[in-house]
Amino acid sequence: MSAKLKANYLDHICIAVNDVKEAEKTYIDAFGWEVAYRYVDETEKIRVTGFMVGPTAIELIEDIDGTGEVAKFVKKAGEGVMIISYNVDNCEESLAQLKQNKVRLIDQKPRWFAEYKRNFAFIHPAATHGVLTEIIDGSY
């Protein structure tokens, strides 16, 4: 039997969109939520708007130049949920636990998210029935 991975809560859900400004307006009009943060990650080629729902962020993500992973996702699957992320106490230790459980991973070691000073790693979608899954430590 596999060892249980301790997840604290659902950290964020990323929704891939064609136009983040349009999607942001849609979410504000529909839910009345205030934007919690916005950022551009040149390395990942994404523009992001985040809304906080309790401890969980709903992130709308748009590809910057049409060549990144978000653009590929939208072209293949259309707009929609692209990533589900679980908050863990320590990304490196959780990654080791996943390896012990023989989970197929994208990242063999954590990546550093400099803007928020957090470590994260991706689990291969084939290991989670087609959902790109992330583990991330720290908080917003």
N, C-alpha and C. Protein backbone atom coordinates (compact mmCIF):
# COMPACT_ATOMS: atom_id res chain seq x y z
N MET A 1 0.84 -1.19 0.00
CA MET A 1 0.00 0.00 0.00
C MET A 1 0.88 1.25 0.00
N SER A 2 0.49 2.25 -0.77
CA SER A 2 1.24 3.50 -0.86
C SER A 2 1.11 4.31 0.42
N ALA A 3 2.17 5.06 0.72
CA ALA A 3 2.14 5.97 1.86
C ALA A 3 1.28 7.19 1.50
N LYS A 4 0.58 7.71 2.48
CA LYS A 4 -0.32 8.84 2.27
C LYS A 4 0.47 10.15 2.15
N LEU A 5 0.20 10.89 1.09
CA LEU A 5 0.79 12.21 0.92
C LEU A 5 -0.06 13.20 1.72
N LYS A 6 0.57 13.94 2.63
CA LYS A 6 -0.16 14.92 3.43
C LYS A 6 -0.31 16.21 2.63
N ALA A 7 -1.53 16.54 2.28
CA ALA A 7 -1.84 17.82 1.62
C ALA A 7 -2.65 18.66 2.60
N ASN A 8 -2.31 19.91 2.71
CA ASN A 8 -2.98 20.81 3.66
C ASN A 8 -4.33 21.30 3.15
N TYR A 9 -4.38 21.66 1.88
CA TYR A 9 -5.61 22.17 1.27
C TYR A 9 -5.36 22.30 -0.23
N LEU A 10 -6.41 22.58 -0.96
CA LEU A 10 -6.29 22.84 -2.39
C LEU A 10 -5.70 24.25 -2.53
N ASP A 11 -4.48 24.34 -3.04
CA ASP A 11 -3.78 25.62 -3.10
C ASP A 11 -4.34 26.51 -4.20
N HIS A 12 -4.41 25.97 -5.41
CA HIS A 12 -4.98 26.74 -6.50
C HIS A 12 -5.43 25.84 -7.64
N ILE A 13 -6.34 26.39 -8.42
CA ILE A 13 -6.83 25.76 -9.63
C ILE A 13 -6.55 26.73 -10.77
N CYS A 14 -5.86 26.25 -11.80
CA CYS A 14 -5.53 27.10 -12.95
C CYS A 14 -6.50 26.81 -14.09
N ILE A 15 -7.10 27.85 -14.59
CA ILE A 15 -8.03 27.76 -15.71
C ILE A 15 -7.39 28.45 -16.90
N ALA A 16 -7.09 27.65 -17.93
CA ALA A 16 -6.48 28.19 -19.15
C ALA A 16 -7.54 28.94 -19.95
N VAL A 17 -7.21 30.16 -20.37
CA VAL A 17 -8.15 30.99 -21.12
C VAL A 17 -7.43 31.62 -22.32
N ASN A 18 -8.23 32.04 -23.29
CA ASN A 18 -7.67 32.73 -24.46
C ASN A 18 -7.29 34.16 -24.15
N ASP A 19 -8.08 34.83 -23.30
CA ASP A 19 -7.89 36.24 -23.01
C ASP A 19 -8.11 36.47 -21.52
N VAL A 20 -7.03 36.69 -20.79
CA VAL A 20 -7.13 36.80 -19.33
C VAL A 20 -7.93 38.03 -18.90
N LYS A 21 -7.83 39.13 -19.62
CA LYS A 21 -8.59 40.34 -19.25
C LYS A 21 -10.09 40.09 -19.40
N GLU A 22 -10.47 39.45 -20.49
CA GLU A 22 -11.88 39.13 -20.71
C GLU A 22 -12.38 38.14 -19.64
N ALA A 23 -11.58 37.13 -19.35
CA ALA A 23 -11.96 36.13 -18.34
C ALA A 23 -12.05 36.78 -16.96
N GLU A 24 -11.12 37.66 -16.65
CA GLU A 24 -11.14 38.37 -15.37
C GLU A 24 -12.45 39.14 -15.22
N LYS A 25 -12.85 39.85 -16.25
CA LYS A 25 -14.11 40.61 -16.20
C LYS A 25 -15.29 39.67 -16.00
N THR A 26 -15.28 38.53 -16.69
CA THR A 26 -16.35 37.55 -16.56
C THR A 26 -16.48 37.08 -15.11
N TYR A 27 -15.35 36.77 -14.46
CA TYR A 27 -15.37 36.30 -13.08
C TYR A 27 -15.81 37.40 -12.11
N ILE A 28 -15.36 38.61 -12.36
CA ILE A 28 -15.78 39.74 -11.50
C ILE A 28 -17.28 39.97 -11.64
N ASP A 29 -17.78 39.97 -12.88
CA ASP A 29 -19.21 40.19 -13.12
C ASP A 29 -20.06 39.04 -12.56
N ALA A 30 -19.58 37.81 -12.70
CA ALA A 30 -20.36 36.65 -12.25
C ALA A 30 -20.36 36.48 -10.74
N PHE A 31 -19.19 36.64 -10.12
CA PHE A 31 -19.06 36.32 -8.70
C PHE A 31 -18.87 37.53 -7.79
N GLY A 32 -18.55 38.68 -8.37
CA GLY A 32 -18.31 39.87 -7.55
C GLY A 32 -16.99 39.82 -6.80
N TRP A 33 -16.10 38.91 -7.18
CA TRP A 33 -14.82 38.76 -6.51
C TRP A 33 -13.87 39.88 -6.88
N GLU A 34 -12.97 40.20 -5.96
CA GLU A 34 -11.92 41.17 -6.22
C GLU A 34 -10.66 40.42 -6.65
N VAL A 35 -9.92 41.03 -7.56
CA VAL A 35 -8.65 40.44 -7.98
C VAL A 35 -7.69 40.49 -6.79
N ALA A 36 -7.10 39.34 -6.45
CA ALA A 36 -6.14 39.26 -5.35
C ALA A 36 -4.72 39.56 -5.84
N TYR A 37 -4.43 39.16 -7.07
CA TYR A 37 -3.09 39.41 -7.62
C TYR A 37 -3.10 39.22 -9.13
N ARG A 38 -2.10 39.83 -9.74
CA ARG A 38 -1.83 39.65 -11.17
C ARG A 38 -0.32 39.54 -11.32
N TYR A 39 0.12 38.72 -12.26
CA TYR A 39 1.54 38.69 -12.57
C TYR A 39 1.77 38.11 -13.96
N VAL A 40 2.96 38.36 -14.48
CA VAL A 40 3.39 37.80 -15.75
C VAL A 40 4.64 36.99 -15.45
N ASP A 41 4.66 35.75 -15.91
CA ASP A 41 5.83 34.89 -15.76
C ASP A 41 6.40 34.66 -17.16
N GLU A 42 7.45 35.40 -17.47
CA GLU A 42 8.06 35.33 -18.81
C GLU A 42 8.61 33.94 -19.09
N THR A 43 9.19 33.28 -18.08
CA THR A 43 9.76 31.95 -18.27
C THR A 43 8.70 30.94 -18.67
N GLU A 44 7.55 30.98 -17.99
CA GLU A 44 6.46 30.05 -18.29
C GLU A 44 5.57 30.55 -19.42
N LYS A 45 5.82 31.81 -19.86
CA LYS A 45 5.06 32.43 -20.95
C LYS A 45 3.58 32.58 -20.61
N ILE A 46 3.30 33.05 -19.37
CA ILE A 46 1.91 33.19 -18.96
C ILE A 46 1.63 34.54 -18.31
N ARG A 47 0.39 34.95 -18.45
CA ARG A 47 -0.17 36.13 -17.77
C ARG A 47 -1.25 35.57 -16.87
N VAL A 48 -1.25 35.97 -15.59
CA VAL A 48 -2.13 35.36 -14.58
C VAL A 48 -2.91 36.41 -13.80
N THR A 49 -4.19 36.10 -13.57
CA THR A 49 -5.02 36.84 -12.63
C THR A 49 -5.50 35.85 -11.58
N GLY A 50 -5.36 36.21 -10.31
CA GLY A 50 -5.78 35.31 -9.24
C GLY A 50 -6.88 35.90 -8.38
N PHE A 51 -7.83 35.05 -8.01
CA PHE A 51 -8.90 35.38 -7.07
C PHE A 51 -8.76 34.42 -5.90
N MET A 52 -8.92 34.89 -4.68
CA MET A 52 -8.84 34.02 -3.50
C MET A 52 -10.24 33.62 -3.06
N VAL A 53 -10.44 32.32 -2.90
CA VAL A 53 -11.69 31.76 -2.38
C VAL A 53 -11.28 30.97 -1.15
N GLY A 54 -11.36 31.62 0.02
CA GLY A 54 -10.77 31.02 1.21
C GLY A 54 -9.27 30.91 0.99
N PRO A 55 -8.66 29.77 1.34
CA PRO A 55 -7.22 29.63 1.14
C PRO A 55 -6.85 29.22 -0.29
N THR A 56 -7.85 29.02 -1.13
CA THR A 56 -7.62 28.52 -2.49
C THR A 56 -7.70 29.65 -3.51
N ALA A 57 -6.71 29.67 -4.39
CA ALA A 57 -6.71 30.66 -5.48
C ALA A 57 -7.33 30.04 -6.73
N ILE A 58 -8.12 30.83 -7.39
CA ILE A 58 -8.61 30.49 -8.73
C ILE A 58 -7.78 31.36 -9.66
N GLU A 59 -6.95 30.72 -10.48
CA GLU A 59 -6.07 31.46 -11.37
C GLU A 59 -6.52 31.33 -12.82
N LEU A 60 -6.67 32.46 -13.46
CA LEU A 60 -6.95 32.50 -14.89
C LEU A 60 -5.61 32.71 -15.57
N ILE A 61 -5.24 31.81 -16.48
CA ILE A 61 -3.93 31.90 -17.10
C ILE A 61 -4.05 31.97 -18.62
N GLU A 62 -3.30 32.90 -19.19
CA GLU A 62 -3.29 33.13 -20.63
C GLU A 62 -1.86 32.99 -21.13
N ASP A 63 -1.69 32.36 -22.26
CA ASP A 63 -0.38 32.26 -22.89
C ASP A 63 0.02 33.63 -23.44
N ILE A 64 1.25 34.02 -23.23
CA ILE A 64 1.71 35.34 -23.67
C ILE A 64 1.88 35.43 -25.18
N ASP A 65 2.51 34.42 -25.79
CA ASP A 65 2.85 34.54 -27.20
C ASP A 65 2.33 33.42 -28.10
N GLY A 66 1.50 32.55 -27.55
CA GLY A 66 0.92 31.49 -28.36
C GLY A 66 1.81 30.28 -28.56
N THR A 67 2.95 30.21 -27.85
CA THR A 67 3.87 29.09 -28.03
C THR A 67 4.08 28.25 -26.78
N GLY A 68 3.52 28.66 -25.66
CA GLY A 68 3.75 27.97 -24.39
C GLY A 68 2.77 26.82 -24.15
N GLU A 69 2.90 26.23 -22.98
CA GLU A 69 2.07 25.07 -22.60
C GLU A 69 0.59 25.43 -22.50
N VAL A 70 0.28 26.64 -22.07
CA VAL A 70 -1.13 27.04 -21.97
C VAL A 70 -1.75 27.11 -23.36
N ALA A 71 -1.02 27.67 -24.32
CA ALA A 71 -1.53 27.74 -25.69
C ALA A 71 -1.75 26.34 -26.25
N LYS A 72 -0.82 25.43 -25.98
CA LYS A 72 -0.97 24.05 -26.45
C LYS A 72 -2.20 23.40 -25.83
N PHE A 73 -2.41 23.64 -24.53
CA PHE A 73 -3.56 23.08 -23.84
C PHE A 73 -4.86 23.60 -24.45
N VAL A 74 -4.96 24.92 -24.63
CA VAL A 74 -6.18 25.53 -25.16
C VAL A 74 -6.45 25.03 -26.58
N LYS A 75 -5.41 24.91 -27.37
CA LYS A 75 -5.58 24.43 -28.74
C LYS A 75 -6.12 22.99 -28.75
N LYS A 76 -5.62 22.17 -27.84
CA LYS A 76 -6.01 20.76 -27.79
C LYS A 76 -7.36 20.55 -27.10
N ALA A 77 -7.56 21.19 -25.95
CA ALA A 77 -8.73 20.90 -25.11
C ALA A 77 -9.73 22.03 -25.01
N GLY A 78 -9.37 23.23 -25.48
CA GLY A 78 -10.22 24.39 -25.29
C GLY A 78 -9.97 25.01 -23.93
N GLU A 79 -10.64 26.11 -23.66
CA GLU A 79 -10.48 26.75 -22.36
C GLU A 79 -11.00 25.82 -21.27
N GLY A 80 -10.38 25.89 -20.10
CA GLY A 80 -10.86 25.07 -19.00
C GLY A 80 -9.79 24.79 -17.96
N VAL A 81 -10.14 23.95 -17.00
CA VAL A 81 -9.22 23.61 -15.90
C VAL A 81 -7.99 22.91 -16.47
N MET A 82 -6.83 23.44 -16.16
CA MET A 82 -5.57 22.89 -16.66
C MET A 82 -4.72 22.29 -15.53
N ILE A 83 -4.75 22.91 -14.35
CA ILE A 83 -3.89 22.47 -13.24
C ILE A 83 -4.68 22.48 -11.94
N ILE A 84 -4.48 21.43 -11.16
CA ILE A 84 -4.96 21.40 -9.77
C ILE A 84 -3.72 21.29 -8.90
N SER A 85 -3.63 22.15 -7.90
CA SER A 85 -2.43 22.24 -7.07
C SER A 85 -2.77 22.02 -5.60
N TYR A 86 -1.97 21.16 -4.97
CA TYR A 86 -2.16 20.85 -3.55
C TYR A 86 -1.05 21.50 -2.73
N ASN A 87 -1.43 22.14 -1.64
CA ASN A 87 -0.45 22.73 -0.74
C ASN A 87 0.10 21.65 0.19
N VAL A 88 1.42 21.61 0.28
CA VAL A 88 2.11 20.66 1.15
C VAL A 88 3.07 21.43 2.06
N ASP A 89 3.48 20.79 3.15
CA ASP A 89 4.41 21.46 4.07
C ASP A 89 5.79 21.66 3.46
N ASN A 90 6.26 20.65 2.71
CA ASN A 90 7.60 20.71 2.15
C ASN A 90 7.58 20.01 0.79
N CYS A 91 7.77 20.77 -0.27
CA CYS A 91 7.67 20.23 -1.62
C CYS A 91 8.70 19.12 -1.86
N GLU A 92 9.92 19.33 -1.43
CA GLU A 92 10.97 18.33 -1.65
C GLU A 92 10.64 17.00 -0.97
N GLU A 93 10.17 17.07 0.28
CA GLU A 93 9.81 15.84 0.99
C GLU A 93 8.58 15.18 0.35
N SER A 94 7.63 15.97 -0.08
CA SER A 94 6.44 15.41 -0.73
C SER A 94 6.80 14.77 -2.07
N LEU A 95 7.72 15.37 -2.79
CA LEU A 95 8.19 14.81 -4.05
C LEU A 95 8.87 13.46 -3.79
N ALA A 96 9.65 13.37 -2.74
CA ALA A 96 10.29 12.10 -2.37
C ALA A 96 9.23 11.05 -2.05
N GLN A 97 8.16 11.46 -1.38
CA GLN A 97 7.07 10.53 -1.05
C GLN A 97 6.39 10.03 -2.33
N LEU A 98 6.16 10.92 -3.26
CA LEU A 98 5.55 10.53 -4.53
C LEU A 98 6.45 9.55 -5.28
N LYS A 99 7.76 9.82 -5.27
CA LYS A 99 8.71 8.90 -5.91
C LYS A 99 8.65 7.53 -5.25
N GLN A 100 8.59 7.51 -3.93
CA GLN A 100 8.49 6.25 -3.18
C GLN A 100 7.21 5.50 -3.57
N ASN A 101 6.15 6.26 -3.84
CA ASN A 101 4.88 5.66 -4.25
C ASN A 101 4.87 5.31 -5.74
N LYS A 102 6.00 5.54 -6.41
CA LYS A 102 6.18 5.20 -7.83
C LYS A 102 5.23 5.97 -8.76
N VAL A 103 5.01 7.23 -8.40
CA VAL A 103 4.17 8.11 -9.21
C VAL A 103 5.00 8.67 -10.36
N ARG A 104 4.43 8.71 -11.54
CA ARG A 104 5.12 9.29 -12.71
C ARG A 104 5.13 10.81 -12.54
N LEU A 105 6.32 11.39 -12.59
CA LEU A 105 6.51 12.81 -12.34
C LEU A 105 7.03 13.54 -13.58
N ILE A 106 6.74 14.82 -13.65
CA ILE A 106 7.39 15.69 -14.63
C ILE A 106 8.68 16.21 -14.03
N ASP A 107 8.60 16.67 -12.78
CA ASP A 107 9.75 17.24 -12.08
C ASP A 107 10.35 16.23 -11.11
N GLN A 108 11.65 16.04 -11.21
CA GLN A 108 12.36 15.14 -10.29
C GLN A 108 12.85 15.90 -9.05
N LYS A 109 12.91 17.21 -9.16
CA LYS A 109 13.26 18.06 -8.02
C LYS A 109 12.39 19.31 -8.10
N PRO A 110 12.17 19.98 -6.98
CA PRO A 110 11.29 21.16 -6.99
C PRO A 110 11.85 22.30 -7.84
N ARG A 111 10.92 23.06 -8.39
CA ARG A 111 11.25 24.32 -9.07
C ARG A 111 11.02 25.44 -8.06
N TRP A 112 11.66 26.58 -8.27
CA TRP A 112 11.53 27.73 -7.37
C TRP A 112 10.65 28.79 -8.03
N PHE A 113 9.61 29.21 -7.32
CA PHE A 113 8.71 30.26 -7.78
C PHE A 113 9.14 31.53 -7.06
N ALA A 114 10.04 32.27 -7.67
CA ALA A 114 10.70 33.40 -7.02
C ALA A 114 9.73 34.48 -6.55
N GLU A 115 8.71 34.78 -7.36
CA GLU A 115 7.80 35.87 -7.02
C GLU A 115 7.13 35.66 -5.66
N TYR A 116 6.79 34.41 -5.35
CA TYR A 116 6.13 34.12 -4.07
C TYR A 116 6.99 33.31 -3.12
N LYS A 117 8.24 33.07 -3.49
CA LYS A 117 9.19 32.34 -2.64
C LYS A 117 8.63 30.99 -2.21
N ARG A 118 8.25 30.18 -3.22
CA ARG A 118 7.64 28.87 -2.99
C ARG A 118 8.28 27.84 -3.91
N ASN A 119 8.34 26.61 -3.43
CA ASN A 119 8.79 25.49 -4.25
C ASN A 119 7.58 24.75 -4.79
N PHE A 120 7.69 24.26 -6.04
CA PHE A 120 6.60 23.50 -6.63
C PHE A 120 7.15 22.42 -7.55
N ALA A 121 6.33 21.43 -7.83
CA ALA A 121 6.70 20.36 -8.76
C ALA A 121 5.43 19.79 -9.38
N PHE A 122 5.57 19.29 -10.60
CA PHE A 122 4.43 18.74 -11.32
C PHE A 122 4.45 17.23 -11.39
N ILE A 123 3.27 16.66 -11.26
CA ILE A 123 3.02 15.24 -11.45
C ILE A 123 2.52 15.08 -12.89
N HIS A 124 2.97 14.06 -13.56
CA HIS A 124 2.57 13.85 -14.95
C HIS A 124 1.06 13.58 -15.03
N PRO A 125 0.37 14.19 -15.99
CA PRO A 125 -1.08 13.97 -16.12
C PRO A 125 -1.46 12.49 -16.29
N ALA A 126 -0.58 11.70 -16.86
CA ALA A 126 -0.87 10.27 -17.04
C ALA A 126 -1.03 9.57 -15.69
N ALA A 127 -0.44 10.13 -14.63
CA ALA A 127 -0.52 9.53 -13.30
C ALA A 127 -1.80 9.92 -12.57
N THR A 128 -2.50 10.93 -13.08
CA THR A 128 -3.68 11.45 -12.38
C THR A 128 -4.87 11.58 -13.34
N HIS A 129 -5.03 10.61 -14.20
CA HIS A 129 -6.17 10.52 -15.11
C HIS A 129 -6.37 11.78 -15.96
N GLY A 130 -5.26 12.30 -16.49
CA GLY A 130 -5.33 13.41 -17.43
C GLY A 130 -5.28 14.80 -16.83
N VAL A 131 -5.14 14.91 -15.52
CA VAL A 131 -5.10 16.22 -14.88
C VAL A 131 -3.65 16.57 -14.52
N LEU A 132 -3.16 17.69 -15.03
CA LEU A 132 -1.84 18.17 -14.61
C LEU A 132 -1.96 18.56 -13.15
N THR A 133 -1.21 17.89 -12.30
CA THR A 133 -1.32 18.08 -10.85
C THR A 133 0.00 18.63 -10.33
N GLU A 134 -0.11 19.53 -9.38
CA GLU A 134 1.07 20.21 -8.83
C GLU A 134 1.03 20.08 -7.31
N ILE A 135 2.23 20.01 -6.73
CA ILE A 135 2.37 20.19 -5.29
C ILE A 135 3.17 21.46 -5.08
N ILE A 136 2.82 22.20 -4.06
CA ILE A 136 3.48 23.49 -3.82
C ILE A 136 3.52 23.75 -2.32
N ASP A 137 4.63 24.32 -1.85
CA ASP A 137 4.70 24.64 -0.42
C ASP A 137 4.59 26.15 -0.22
N GLY A 138 4.57 26.58 1.01
CA GLY A 138 4.43 28.00 1.31
C GLY A 138 3.02 28.50 1.09
N SER A 139 2.88 29.81 1.05
CA SER A 139 1.55 30.40 0.84
C SER A 139 1.71 31.73 0.12
N TYR A 140 0.56 32.29 -0.32
CA TYR A 140 0.57 33.56 -1.04
C TYR A 140 0.83 34.70 -0.10
